[in-house]
Amino acid sequence: MVALQPGIEDDVWLNLAFANGVRAHLHVSWLWPEDERQTVVIGSKGALLYDEHEDELWLYDKGIKDDLTIWDAGKREIPVDRGGRPGDRGAPFPRLRAEKGGAVD
């Protein structure tokens, strides 16, 4: 959506559907009133949240059972191994590093 600058997408909502049934929803906006940089991955055993500003990874151990009852075992921080490099704010997951071809090193 072009809102402020002609030819520049200021606000983007993207819905992706993959052949294996996985779906992704992305929102990127220069107009958003808060500066958030978070990635959330939701699965059948809970959700992972990576906060780029805080450089933290959290596991939310919660979900909905088949009978529609909610289970919630709280959340816990997952330590992020940066390979012994203090202050490295690159991709927190080794697989992401590999897919980027070492671009974050």
PDB file of N, CA and C in Angstrom:
ATOM      1  N   MET A   1       0.835  -1.165   0.000  1.00  0.00           N
ATOM      2  CA  MET A   1       0.000   0.000   0.000  1.00  0.00           C
ATOM      3  C   MET A   1       0.889   1.241   0.000  1.00  0.00           C
ATOM      4  N   VAL A   2       0.686   2.096  -0.911  1.00  0.00           N
ATOM      5  CA  VAL A   2       1.418   3.355  -0.957  1.00  0.00           C
ATOM      6  C   VAL A   2       0.587   4.386  -0.199  1.00  0.00           C
ATOM      7  N   ALA A   3       1.124   4.885   0.918  1.00  0.00           N
ATOM      8  CA  ALA A   3       0.360   5.823   1.729  1.00  0.00           C
ATOM      9  C   ALA A   3       0.957   7.226   1.728  1.00  0.00           C
ATOM     10  N   LEU A   4       2.273   7.331   1.826  1.00  0.00           N
ATOM     11  CA  LEU A   4       2.892   8.648   1.928  1.00  0.00           C
ATOM     12  C   LEU A   4       3.743   9.034   0.727  1.00  0.00           C
ATOM     13  N   GLN A   5       4.510   8.090   0.228  1.00  0.00           N
ATOM     14  CA  GLN A   5       5.458   8.407  -0.828  1.00  0.00           C
ATOM     15  C   GLN A   5       5.126   7.634  -2.101  1.00  0.00           C
ATOM     16  N   PRO A   6       4.854   8.311  -3.182  1.00  0.00           N
ATOM     17  CA  PRO A   6       4.543   7.616  -4.436  1.00  0.00           C
ATOM     18  C   PRO A   6       5.677   6.667  -4.833  1.00  0.00           C
ATOM     19  N   GLY A   7       5.311   5.455  -5.199  1.00  0.00           N
ATOM     20  CA  GLY A   7       6.292   4.477  -5.651  1.00  0.00           C
ATOM     21  C   GLY A   7       6.996   3.720  -4.535  1.00  0.00           C
ATOM     22  N   ILE A   8       6.695   4.030  -3.263  1.00  0.00           N
ATOM     23  CA  ILE A   8       7.310   3.337  -2.129  1.00  0.00           C
ATOM     24  C   ILE A   8       6.207   2.693  -1.302  1.00  0.00           C
ATOM     25  N   GLU A   9       6.332   1.397  -1.085  1.00  0.00           N
ATOM     26  CA  GLU A   9       5.347   0.672  -0.281  1.00  0.00           C
ATOM     27  C   GLU A   9       5.592   1.000   1.192  1.00  0.00           C
ATOM     28  N   ASP A  10       4.776   1.865   1.764  1.00  0.00           N
ATOM     29  CA  ASP A  10       4.935   2.294   3.150  1.00  0.00           C
ATOM     30  C   ASP A  10       4.379   1.278   4.151  1.00  0.00           C
ATOM     31  N   ASP A  11       3.383   0.524   3.749  1.00  0.00           N
ATOM     32  CA  ASP A  11       2.688  -0.393   4.645  1.00  0.00           C
ATOM     33  C   ASP A  11       2.395  -1.679   3.885  1.00  0.00           C
ATOM     34  N   VAL A  12       2.946  -2.801   4.344  1.00  0.00           N
ATOM     35  CA  VAL A  12       2.802  -4.063   3.614  1.00  0.00           C
ATOM     36  C   VAL A  12       2.242  -5.138   4.539  1.00  0.00           C
ATOM     37  N   TRP A  13       1.181  -5.795   4.092  1.00  0.00           N
ATOM     38  CA  TRP A  13       0.614  -6.979   4.738  1.00  0.00           C
ATOM     39  C   TRP A  13       0.781  -8.121   3.749  1.00  0.00           C
ATOM     40  N   LEU A  14       1.485  -9.166   4.145  1.00  0.00           N
ATOM     41  CA  LEU A  14       1.774 -10.272   3.241  1.00  0.00           C
ATOM     42  C   LEU A  14       1.339 -11.579   3.889  1.00  0.00           C
ATOM     43  N   ASN A  15       0.501 -12.330   3.198  1.00  0.00           N
ATOM     44  CA  ASN A  15       0.066 -13.650   3.658  1.00  0.00           C
ATOM     45  C   ASN A  15       0.622 -14.692   2.702  1.00  0.00           C
ATOM     46  N   LEU A  16       1.352 -15.656   3.258  1.00  0.00           N
ATOM     47  CA  LEU A  16       1.979 -16.704   2.452  1.00  0.00           C
ATOM     48  C   LEU A  16       1.388 -18.053   2.819  1.00  0.00           C
ATOM     49  N   ALA A  17       1.183 -18.899   1.836  1.00  0.00           N
ATOM     50  CA  ALA A  17       0.726 -20.276   2.056  1.00  0.00           C
ATOM     51  C   ALA A  17       1.648 -21.189   1.269  1.00  0.00           C
ATOM     52  N   PHE A  18       2.224 -22.167   1.952  1.00  0.00           N
ATOM     53  CA  PHE A  18       3.161 -23.092   1.326  1.00  0.00           C
ATOM     54  C   PHE A  18       2.489 -24.430   1.052  1.00  0.00           C
ATOM     55  N   ALA A  19       3.044 -25.190   0.132  1.00  0.00           N
ATOM     56  CA  ALA A  19       2.460 -26.465  -0.291  1.00  0.00           C
ATOM     57  C   ALA A  19       2.326 -27.452   0.872  1.00  0.00           C
ATOM     58  N   ASN A  20       3.202 -27.367   1.881  1.00  0.00           N
ATOM     59  CA  ASN A  20       3.146 -28.315   3.006  1.00  0.00           C
ATOM     60  C   ASN A  20       2.153 -27.885   4.093  1.00  0.00           C
ATOM     61  N   GLY A  21       1.381 -26.812   3.842  1.00  0.00           N
ATOM     62  CA  GLY A  21       0.363 -26.370   4.787  1.00  0.00           C
ATOM     63  C   GLY A  21       0.829 -25.270   5.735  1.00  0.00           C
ATOM     64  N   VAL A  22       2.103 -24.974   5.743  1.00  0.00           N
ATOM     65  CA  VAL A  22       2.624 -23.909   6.597  1.00  0.00           C
ATOM     66  C   VAL A  22       2.173 -22.564   6.047  1.00  0.00           C
ATOM     67  N   ARG A  23       1.767 -21.676   6.956  1.00  0.00           N
ATOM     68  CA  ARG A  23       1.346 -20.337   6.561  1.00  0.00           C
ATOM     69  C   ARG A  23       2.165 -19.301   7.317  1.00  0.00           C
ATOM     70  N   ALA A  24       2.351 -18.154   6.706  1.00  0.00           N
ATOM     71  CA  ALA A  24       3.079 -17.055   7.338  1.00  0.00           C
ATOM     72  C   ALA A  24       2.337 -15.756   7.060  1.00  0.00           C
ATOM     73  N   HIS A  25       2.356 -14.887   8.053  1.00  0.00           N
ATOM     74  CA  HIS A  25       1.715 -13.580   7.933  1.00  0.00           C
ATOM     75  C   HIS A  25       2.736 -12.529   8.335  1.00  0.00           C
ATOM     76  N   LEU A  26       3.007 -11.592   7.450  1.00  0.00           N
ATOM     77  CA  LEU A  26       4.011 -10.566   7.701  1.00  0.00           C
ATOM     78  C   LEU A  26       3.381  -9.180   7.626  1.00  0.00           C
ATOM     79  N   HIS A  27       3.814  -8.318   8.512  1.00  0.00           N
ATOM     80  CA  HIS A  27       3.410  -6.909   8.451  1.00  0.00           C
ATOM     81  C   HIS A  27       4.652  -6.064   8.614  1.00  0.00           C
ATOM     82  N   VAL A  28       4.923  -5.228   7.640  1.00  0.00           N
ATOM     83  CA  VAL A  28       6.064  -4.323   7.658  1.00  0.00           C
ATOM     84  C   VAL A  28       5.535  -2.937   7.341  1.00  0.00           C
ATOM     85  N   SER A  29       5.906  -1.970   8.181  1.00  0.00           N
ATOM     86  CA  SER A  29       5.360  -0.637   7.973  1.00  0.00           C
ATOM     87  C   SER A  29       6.293   0.443   8.505  1.00  0.00           C
ATOM     88  N   TRP A  30       6.529   1.435   7.670  1.00  0.00           N
ATOM     89  CA  TRP A  30       7.245   2.623   8.123  1.00  0.00           C
ATOM     90  C   TRP A  30       6.301   3.506   8.933  1.00  0.00           C
ATOM     91  N   LEU A  31       5.006   3.259   8.823  1.00  0.00           N
ATOM     92  CA  LEU A  31       4.002   4.097   9.464  1.00  0.00           C
ATOM     93  C   LEU A  31       3.621   3.631  10.860  1.00  0.00           C
ATOM     94  N   TRP A  32       3.999   2.415  11.224  1.00  0.00           N
ATOM     95  CA  TRP A  32       3.603   1.840  12.505  1.00  0.00           C
ATOM     96  C   TRP A  32       4.098   2.734  13.637  1.00  0.00           C
ATOM     97  N   PRO A  33       3.241   3.052  14.627  1.00  0.00           N
ATOM     98  CA  PRO A  33       3.638   4.002  15.667  1.00  0.00           C
ATOM     99  C   PRO A  33       4.682   3.478  16.662  1.00  0.00           C
ATOM    100  N   GLU A  34       4.897   2.172  16.712  1.00  0.00           N
ATOM    101  CA  GLU A  34       5.877   1.593  17.625  1.00  0.00           C
ATOM    102  C   GLU A  34       6.982   0.921  16.826  1.00  0.00           C
ATOM    103  N   ASP A  35       8.211   1.010  17.328  1.00  0.00           N
ATOM    104  CA  ASP A  35       9.353   0.373  16.665  1.00  0.00           C
ATOM    105  C   ASP A  35       9.498  -1.045  17.208  1.00  0.00           C
ATOM    106  N   GLU A  36       8.880  -1.997  16.549  1.00  0.00           N
ATOM    107  CA  GLU A  36       8.930  -3.400  16.960  1.00  0.00           C
ATOM    108  C   GLU A  36       9.712  -4.193  15.931  1.00  0.00           C
ATOM    109  N   ARG A  37      10.564  -5.073  16.407  1.00  0.00           N
ATOM    110  CA  ARG A  37      11.277  -6.002  15.524  1.00  0.00           C
ATOM    111  C   ARG A  37      11.210  -7.362  16.180  1.00  0.00           C
ATOM    112  N   GLN A  38      10.122  -8.058  15.896  1.00  0.00           N
ATOM    113  CA  GLN A  38       9.897  -9.359  16.506  1.00  0.00           C
ATOM    114  C   GLN A  38       9.540 -10.383  15.445  1.00  0.00           C
ATOM    115  N   THR A  39       9.995 -11.593  15.693  1.00  0.00           N
ATOM    116  CA  THR A  39       9.603 -12.728  14.867  1.00  0.00           C
ATOM    117  C   THR A  39       8.911 -13.719  15.781  1.00  0.00           C
ATOM    118  N   VAL A  40       7.718 -14.146  15.413  1.00  0.00           N
ATOM    119  CA  VAL A  40       6.958 -15.108  16.202  1.00  0.00           C
ATOM    120  C   VAL A  40       6.710 -16.336  15.331  1.00  0.00           C
ATOM    121  N   VAL A  41       7.032 -17.506  15.884  1.00  0.00           N
ATOM    122  CA  VAL A  41       6.771 -18.777  15.205  1.00  0.00           C
ATOM    123  C   VAL A  41       5.840 -19.568  16.111  1.00  0.00           C
ATOM    124  N   ILE A  42       4.660 -19.913  15.582  1.00  0.00           N
ATOM    125  CA  ILE A  42       3.660 -20.627  16.374  1.00  0.00           C
ATOM    126  C   ILE A  42       3.535 -22.050  15.849  1.00  0.00           C
ATOM    127  N   GLY A  43       3.567 -23.005  16.765  1.00  0.00           N
ATOM    128  CA  GLY A  43       3.454 -24.409  16.399  1.00  0.00           C
ATOM    129  C   GLY A  43       2.523 -25.137  17.344  1.00  0.00           C
ATOM    130  N   SER A  44       2.433 -26.450  17.188  1.00  0.00           N
ATOM    131  CA  SER A  44       1.499 -27.242  17.986  1.00  0.00           C
ATOM    132  C   SER A  44       1.933 -27.374  19.448  1.00  0.00           C
ATOM    133  N   LYS A  45       3.185 -27.072  19.774  1.00  0.00           N
ATOM    134  CA  LYS A  45       3.683 -27.213  21.144  1.00  0.00           C
ATOM    135  C   LYS A  45       3.954 -25.873  21.813  1.00  0.00           C
ATOM    136  N   GLY A  46       3.545 -24.787  21.183  1.00  0.00           N
ATOM    137  CA  GLY A  46       3.750 -23.478  21.780  1.00  0.00           C
ATOM    138  C   GLY A  46       4.193 -22.471  20.743  1.00  0.00           C
ATOM    139  N   ALA A  47       4.856 -21.412  21.222  1.00  0.00           N
ATOM    140  CA  ALA A  47       5.295 -20.345  20.324  1.00  0.00           C
ATOM    141  C   ALA A  47       6.687 -19.866  20.734  1.00  0.00           C
ATOM    142  N   LEU A  48       7.472 -19.478  19.737  1.00  0.00           N
ATOM    143  CA  LEU A  48       8.772 -18.854  19.963  1.00  0.00           C
ATOM    144  C   LEU A  48       8.663 -17.390  19.571  1.00  0.00           C
ATOM    145  N   LEU A  49       9.251 -16.522  20.378  1.00  0.00           N
ATOM    146  CA  LEU A  49       9.274 -15.109  20.056  1.00  0.00           C
ATOM    147  C   LEU A  49      10.721 -14.632  20.142  1.00  0.00           C
ATOM    148  N   TYR A  50      11.228 -14.081  19.050  1.00  0.00           N
ATOM    149  CA  TYR A  50      12.554 -13.466  19.050  1.00  0.00           C
ATOM    150  C   TYR A  50      12.370 -11.962  18.971  1.00  0.00           C
ATOM    151  N   ASP A  51      12.901 -11.253  19.958  1.00  0.00           N
ATOM    152  CA  ASP A  51      12.839  -9.796  20.003  1.00  0.00           C
ATOM    153  C   ASP A  51      14.214  -9.263  19.617  1.00  0.00           C
ATOM    154  N   GLU A  52      14.290  -8.646  18.449  1.00  0.00           N
ATOM    155  CA  GLU A  52      15.576  -8.165  17.942  1.00  0.00           C
ATOM    156  C   GLU A  52      16.123  -7.018  18.784  1.00  0.00           C
ATOM    157  N   HIS A  53      15.258  -6.139  19.275  1.00  0.00           N
ATOM    158  CA  HIS A  53      15.725  -5.013  20.083  1.00  0.00           C
ATOM    159  C   HIS A  53      16.349  -5.483  21.399  1.00  0.00           C
ATOM    160  N   GLU A  54      15.716  -6.444  22.043  1.00  0.00           N
ATOM    161  CA  GLU A  54      16.219  -6.951  23.319  1.00  0.00           C
ATOM    162  C   GLU A  54      17.207  -8.096  23.135  1.00  0.00           C
ATOM    163  N   ASP A  55      17.294  -8.629  21.918  1.00  0.00           N
ATOM    164  CA  ASP A  55      18.147  -9.772  21.601  1.00  0.00           C
ATOM    165  C   ASP A  55      17.831 -10.954  22.522  1.00  0.00           C
ATOM    166  N   GLU A  56      16.535 -11.250  22.631  1.00  0.00           N
ATOM    167  CA  GLU A  56      16.072 -12.325  23.493  1.00  0.00           C
ATOM    168  C   GLU A  56      15.176 -13.282  22.705  1.00  0.00           C
ATOM    169  N   LEU A  57      15.227 -14.538  23.107  1.00  0.00           N
ATOM    170  CA  LEU A  57      14.398 -15.580  22.515  1.00  0.00           C
ATOM    171  C   LEU A  57      13.569 -16.203  23.635  1.00  0.00           C
ATOM    172  N   TRP A  58      12.247 -16.232  23.466  1.00  0.00           N
ATOM    173  CA  TRP A  58      11.341 -16.746  24.486  1.00  0.00           C
ATOM    174  C   TRP A  58      10.506 -17.905  23.939  1.00  0.00           C
ATOM    175  N   LEU A  59      10.288 -18.912  24.784  1.00  0.00           N
ATOM    176  CA  LEU A  59       9.388 -20.019  24.473  1.00  0.00           C
ATOM    177  C   LEU A  59       8.132 -19.842  25.307  1.00  0.00           C
ATOM    178  N   TYR A  60       7.004 -19.722  24.644  1.00  0.00           N
ATOM    179  CA  TYR A  60       5.707 -19.668  25.307  1.00  0.00           C
ATOM    180  C   TYR A  60       5.121 -21.070  25.234  1.00  0.00           C
ATOM    181  N   ASP A  61       5.084 -21.754  26.377  1.00  0.00           N
ATOM    182  CA  ASP A  61       4.636 -23.142  26.457  1.00  0.00           C
ATOM    183  C   ASP A  61       3.129 -23.146  26.697  1.00  0.00           C
ATOM    184  N   LYS A  62       2.367 -22.902  25.620  1.00  0.00           N
ATOM    185  CA  LYS A  62       0.915 -22.806  25.744  1.00  0.00           C
ATOM    186  C   LYS A  62       0.260 -23.154  24.425  1.00  0.00           C
ATOM    187  N   GLY A  63      -1.018 -23.451  24.476  1.00  0.00           N
ATOM    188  CA  GLY A  63      -1.742 -23.776  23.259  1.00  0.00           C
ATOM    189  C   GLY A  63      -3.178 -24.176  23.551  1.00  0.00           C
ATOM    190  N   ILE A  64      -3.812 -24.771  22.570  1.00  0.00           N
ATOM    191  CA  ILE A  64      -5.201 -25.211  22.677  1.00  0.00           C
ATOM    192  C   ILE A  64      -5.261 -26.694  22.340  1.00  0.00           C
ATOM    193  N   LYS A  65      -5.881 -27.473  23.214  1.00  0.00           N
ATOM    194  CA  LYS A  65      -6.017 -28.913  22.998  1.00  0.00           C
ATOM    195  C   LYS A  65      -7.142 -29.192  22.002  1.00  0.00           C
ATOM    196  N   ASP A  66      -7.236 -30.445  21.567  1.00  0.00           N
ATOM    197  CA  ASP A  66      -8.283 -30.846  20.615  1.00  0.00           C
ATOM    198  C   ASP A  66      -9.689 -30.589  21.147  1.00  0.00           C
ATOM    199  N   ASP A  67      -9.859 -30.680  22.482  1.00  0.00           N
ATOM    200  CA  ASP A  67     -11.193 -30.432  23.060  1.00  0.00           C
ATOM    201  C   ASP A  67     -11.416 -28.945  23.346  1.00  0.00           C
ATOM    202  N   LEU A  68     -10.542 -28.088  22.806  1.00  0.00           N
ATOM    203  CA  LEU A  68     -10.600 -26.628  22.900  1.00  0.00           C
ATOM    204  C   LEU A  68     -10.303 -26.060  24.292  1.00  0.00           C
ATOM    205  N   THR A  69      -9.734 -26.905  25.194  1.00  0.00           N
ATOM    206  CA  THR A  69      -9.272 -26.368  26.471  1.00  0.00           C
ATOM    207  C   THR A  69      -7.874 -25.774  26.263  1.00  0.00           C
ATOM    208  N   ILE A  70      -7.605 -24.735  27.012  1.00  0.00           N
ATOM    209  CA  ILE A  70      -6.332 -24.027  26.885  1.00  0.00           C
ATOM    210  C   ILE A  70      -5.355 -24.556  27.929  1.00  0.00           C
ATOM    211  N   TRP A  71      -4.127 -24.817  27.505  1.00  0.00           N
ATOM    212  CA  TRP A  71      -3.074 -25.167  28.461  1.00  0.00           C
ATOM    213  C   TRP A  71      -2.009 -24.078  28.402  1.00  0.00           C
ATOM    214  N   ASP A  72      -1.471 -23.738  29.573  1.00  0.00           N
ATOM    215  CA  ASP A  72      -0.472 -22.685  29.659  1.00  0.00           C
ATOM    216  C   ASP A  72       0.517 -23.033  30.759  1.00  0.00           C
ATOM    217  N   ALA A  73       1.727 -23.389  30.372  1.00  0.00           N
ATOM    218  CA  ALA A  73       2.790 -23.723  31.322  1.00  0.00           C
ATOM    219  C   ALA A  73       3.774 -22.566  31.467  1.00  0.00           C
ATOM    220  N   GLY A  74       3.352 -21.366  31.082  1.00  0.00           N
ATOM    221  CA  GLY A  74       4.199 -20.194  31.247  1.00  0.00           C
ATOM    222  C   GLY A  74       5.152 -19.981  30.091  1.00  0.00           C
ATOM    223  N   LYS A  75       6.134 -19.111  30.333  1.00  0.00           N
ATOM    224  CA  LYS A  75       7.133 -18.829  29.309  1.00  0.00           C
ATOM    225  C   LYS A  75       8.506 -18.894  29.952  1.00  0.00           C
ATOM    226  N   ARG A  76       9.513 -19.129  29.125  1.00  0.00           N
ATOM    227  CA  ARG A  76      10.887 -19.132  29.631  1.00  0.00           C
ATOM    228  C   ARG A  76      11.808 -18.614  28.538  1.00  0.00           C
ATOM    229  N   GLU A  77      12.868 -17.974  28.968  1.00  0.00           N
ATOM    230  CA  GLU A  77      13.844 -17.458  28.024  1.00  0.00           C
ATOM    231  C   GLU A  77      14.741 -18.599  27.568  1.00  0.00           C
ATOM    232  N   ILE A  78      15.026 -18.637  26.285  1.00  0.00           N
ATOM    233  CA  ILE A  78      15.921 -19.630  25.703  1.00  0.00           C
ATOM    234  C   ILE A  78      17.279 -18.964  25.508  1.00  0.00           C
ATOM    235  N   PRO A  79      18.335 -19.497  26.132  1.00  0.00           N
ATOM    236  CA  PRO A  79      19.657 -18.899  25.917  1.00  0.00           C
ATOM    237  C   PRO A  79      20.057 -19.005  24.445  1.00  0.00           C
ATOM    238  N   VAL A  80      20.648 -17.950  23.934  1.00  0.00           N
ATOM    239  CA  VAL A  80      21.059 -17.916  22.538  1.00  0.00           C
ATOM    240  C   VAL A  80      22.573 -18.034  22.481  1.00  0.00           C
ATOM    241  N   ASP A  81      23.064 -19.099  21.850  1.00  0.00           N
ATOM    242  CA  ASP A  81      24.503 -19.313  21.713  1.00  0.00           C
ATOM    243  C   ASP A  81      25.005 -18.521  20.513  1.00  0.00           C
ATOM    244  N   ARG A  82      25.825 -17.542  20.783  1.00  0.00           N
ATOM    245  CA  ARG A  82      26.371 -16.680  19.730  1.00  0.00           C
ATOM    246  C   ARG A  82      27.770 -17.125  19.313  1.00  0.00           C
ATOM    247  N   GLY A  83      28.146 -18.337  19.693  1.00  0.00           N
ATOM    248  CA  GLY A  83      29.461 -18.838  19.285  1.00  0.00           C
ATOM    249  C   GLY A  83      30.607 -18.126  19.991  1.00  0.00           C
ATOM    250  N   GLY A  84      30.352 -17.660  21.213  1.00  0.00           N
ATOM    251  CA  GLY A  84      31.410 -17.034  21.984  1.00  0.00           C
ATOM    252  C   GLY A  84      31.734 -15.613  21.577  1.00  0.00           C
ATOM    253  N   ARG A  85      30.848 -14.988  20.813  1.00  0.00           N
ATOM    254  CA  ARG A  85      31.105 -13.616  20.363  1.00  0.00           C
ATOM    255  C   ARG A  85      30.204 -12.661  21.128  1.00  0.00           C
ATOM    256  N   PRO A  86      30.699 -12.061  22.201  1.00  0.00           N
ATOM    257  CA  PRO A  86      29.863 -11.130  22.965  1.00  0.00           C
ATOM    258  C   PRO A  86      29.380  -9.980  22.088  1.00  0.00           C
ATOM    259  N   GLY A  87      28.136  -9.621  22.281  1.00  0.00           N
ATOM    260  CA  GLY A  87      27.579  -8.488  21.558  1.00  0.00           C
ATOM    261  C   GLY A  87      27.155  -8.783  20.137  1.00  0.00           C
ATOM    262  N   ASP A  88      27.345 -10.019  19.662  1.00  0.00           N
ATOM    263  CA  ASP A  88      26.927 -10.374  18.307  1.00  0.00           C
ATOM    264  C   ASP A  88      25.412 -10.350  18.251  1.00  0.00           C
ATOM    265  N   ARG A  89      24.860  -9.496  17.418  1.00  0.00           N
ATOM    266  CA  ARG A  89      23.409  -9.397  17.302  1.00  0.00           C
ATOM    267  C   ARG A  89      22.929  -9.969  15.971  1.00  0.00           C
ATOM    268  N   GLY A  90      23.697 -10.904  15.408  1.00  0.00           N
ATOM    269  CA  GLY A  90      23.303 -11.538  14.157  1.00  0.00           C
ATOM    270  C   GLY A  90      22.190 -12.547  14.385  1.00  0.00           C
ATOM    271  N   ALA A  91      21.874 -13.320  13.360  1.00  0.00           N
ATOM    272  CA  ALA A  91      20.807 -14.308  13.438  1.00  0.00           C
ATOM    273  C   ALA A  91      21.057 -15.267  14.598  1.00  0.00           C
ATOM    274  N   PRO A  92      20.046 -15.501  15.469  1.00  0.00           N
ATOM    275  CA  PRO A  92      20.251 -16.319  16.664  1.00  0.00           C
ATOM    276  C   PRO A  92      20.251 -17.810  16.408  1.00  0.00           C
ATOM    277  N   PHE A  93      19.851 -18.230  15.247  1.00  0.00           N
ATOM    278  CA  PHE A  93      19.728 -19.650  14.982  1.00  0.00           C
ATOM    279  C   PHE A  93      20.807 -20.093  14.000  1.00  0.00           C
ATOM    280  N   PRO A  94      21.558 -21.146  14.321  1.00  0.00           N
ATOM    281  CA  PRO A  94      22.620 -21.596  13.407  1.00  0.00           C
ATOM    282  C   PRO A  94      22.123 -21.864  11.993  1.00  0.00           C
ATOM    283  N   ARG A  95      20.902 -22.403  11.858  1.00  0.00           N
ATOM    284  CA  ARG A  95      20.387 -22.693  10.523  1.00  0.00           C
ATOM    285  C   ARG A  95      20.228 -21.402   9.709  1.00  0.00           C
ATOM    286  N   LEU A  96      19.771 -20.329  10.362  1.00  0.00           N
ATOM    287  CA  LEU A  96      19.634 -19.059   9.655  1.00  0.00           C
ATOM    288  C   LEU A  96      20.998 -18.552   9.211  1.00  0.00           C
ATOM    289  N   ARG A  97      22.004 -18.730  10.055  1.00  0.00           N
ATOM    290  CA  ARG A  97      23.348 -18.314   9.672  1.00  0.00           C
ATOM    291  C   ARG A  97      23.805 -19.076   8.425  1.00  0.00           C
ATOM    292  N   ALA A  98      23.532 -20.385   8.408  1.00  0.00           N
ATOM    293  CA  ALA A  98      23.962 -21.213   7.280  1.00  0.00           C
ATOM    294  C   ALA A  98      23.235 -20.799   6.003  1.00  0.00           C
ATOM    295  N   GLU A  99      21.928 -20.529   6.120  1.00  0.00           N
ATOM    296  CA  GLU A  99      21.164 -20.140   4.942  1.00  0.00           C
ATOM    297  C   GLU A  99      21.597 -18.782   4.391  1.00  0.00           C
ATOM    298  N   LYS A 100      22.103 -17.929   5.261  1.00  0.00           N
ATOM    299  CA  LYS A 100      22.562 -16.623   4.804  1.00  0.00           C
ATOM    300  C   LYS A 100      23.971 -16.709   4.231  1.00  0.00           C
ATOM    301  N   GLY A 101      24.555 -17.895   4.215  1.00  0.00           N
ATOM    302  CA  GLY A 101      25.872 -18.078   3.627  1.00  0.00           C
ATOM    303  C   GLY A 101      26.977 -17.330   4.348  1.00  0.00           C
ATOM    304  N   GLY A 102      26.836 -17.211   5.675  1.00  0.00           N
ATOM    305  CA  GLY A 102      27.866 -16.549   6.454  1.00  0.00           C
ATOM    306  C   GLY A 102      27.797 -15.038   6.393  1.00  0.00           C
ATOM    307  N   ALA A 103      26.733 -14.493   5.829  1.00  0.00           N
ATOM    308  CA  ALA A 103      26.624 -13.041   5.659  1.00  0.00           C
ATOM    309  C   ALA A 103      26.571 -12.305   6.993  1.00  0.00           C
ATOM    310  N   VAL A 104      26.158 -13.000   8.069  1.00  0.00           N
ATOM    311  CA  VAL A 104      26.084 -12.344   9.367  1.00  0.00           C
ATOM    312  C   VAL A 104      27.402 -12.413  10.128  1.00  0.00           C
ATOM    313  N   ASP A 105      28.346 -13.190   9.654  1.00  0.00           N
ATOM    314  CA  ASP A 105      29.640 -13.299  10.352  1.00  0.00           C
ATOM    315  C   ASP A 105      30.504 -12.094  10.110  1.00  0.00           C
TER     316      ASP A 105
END
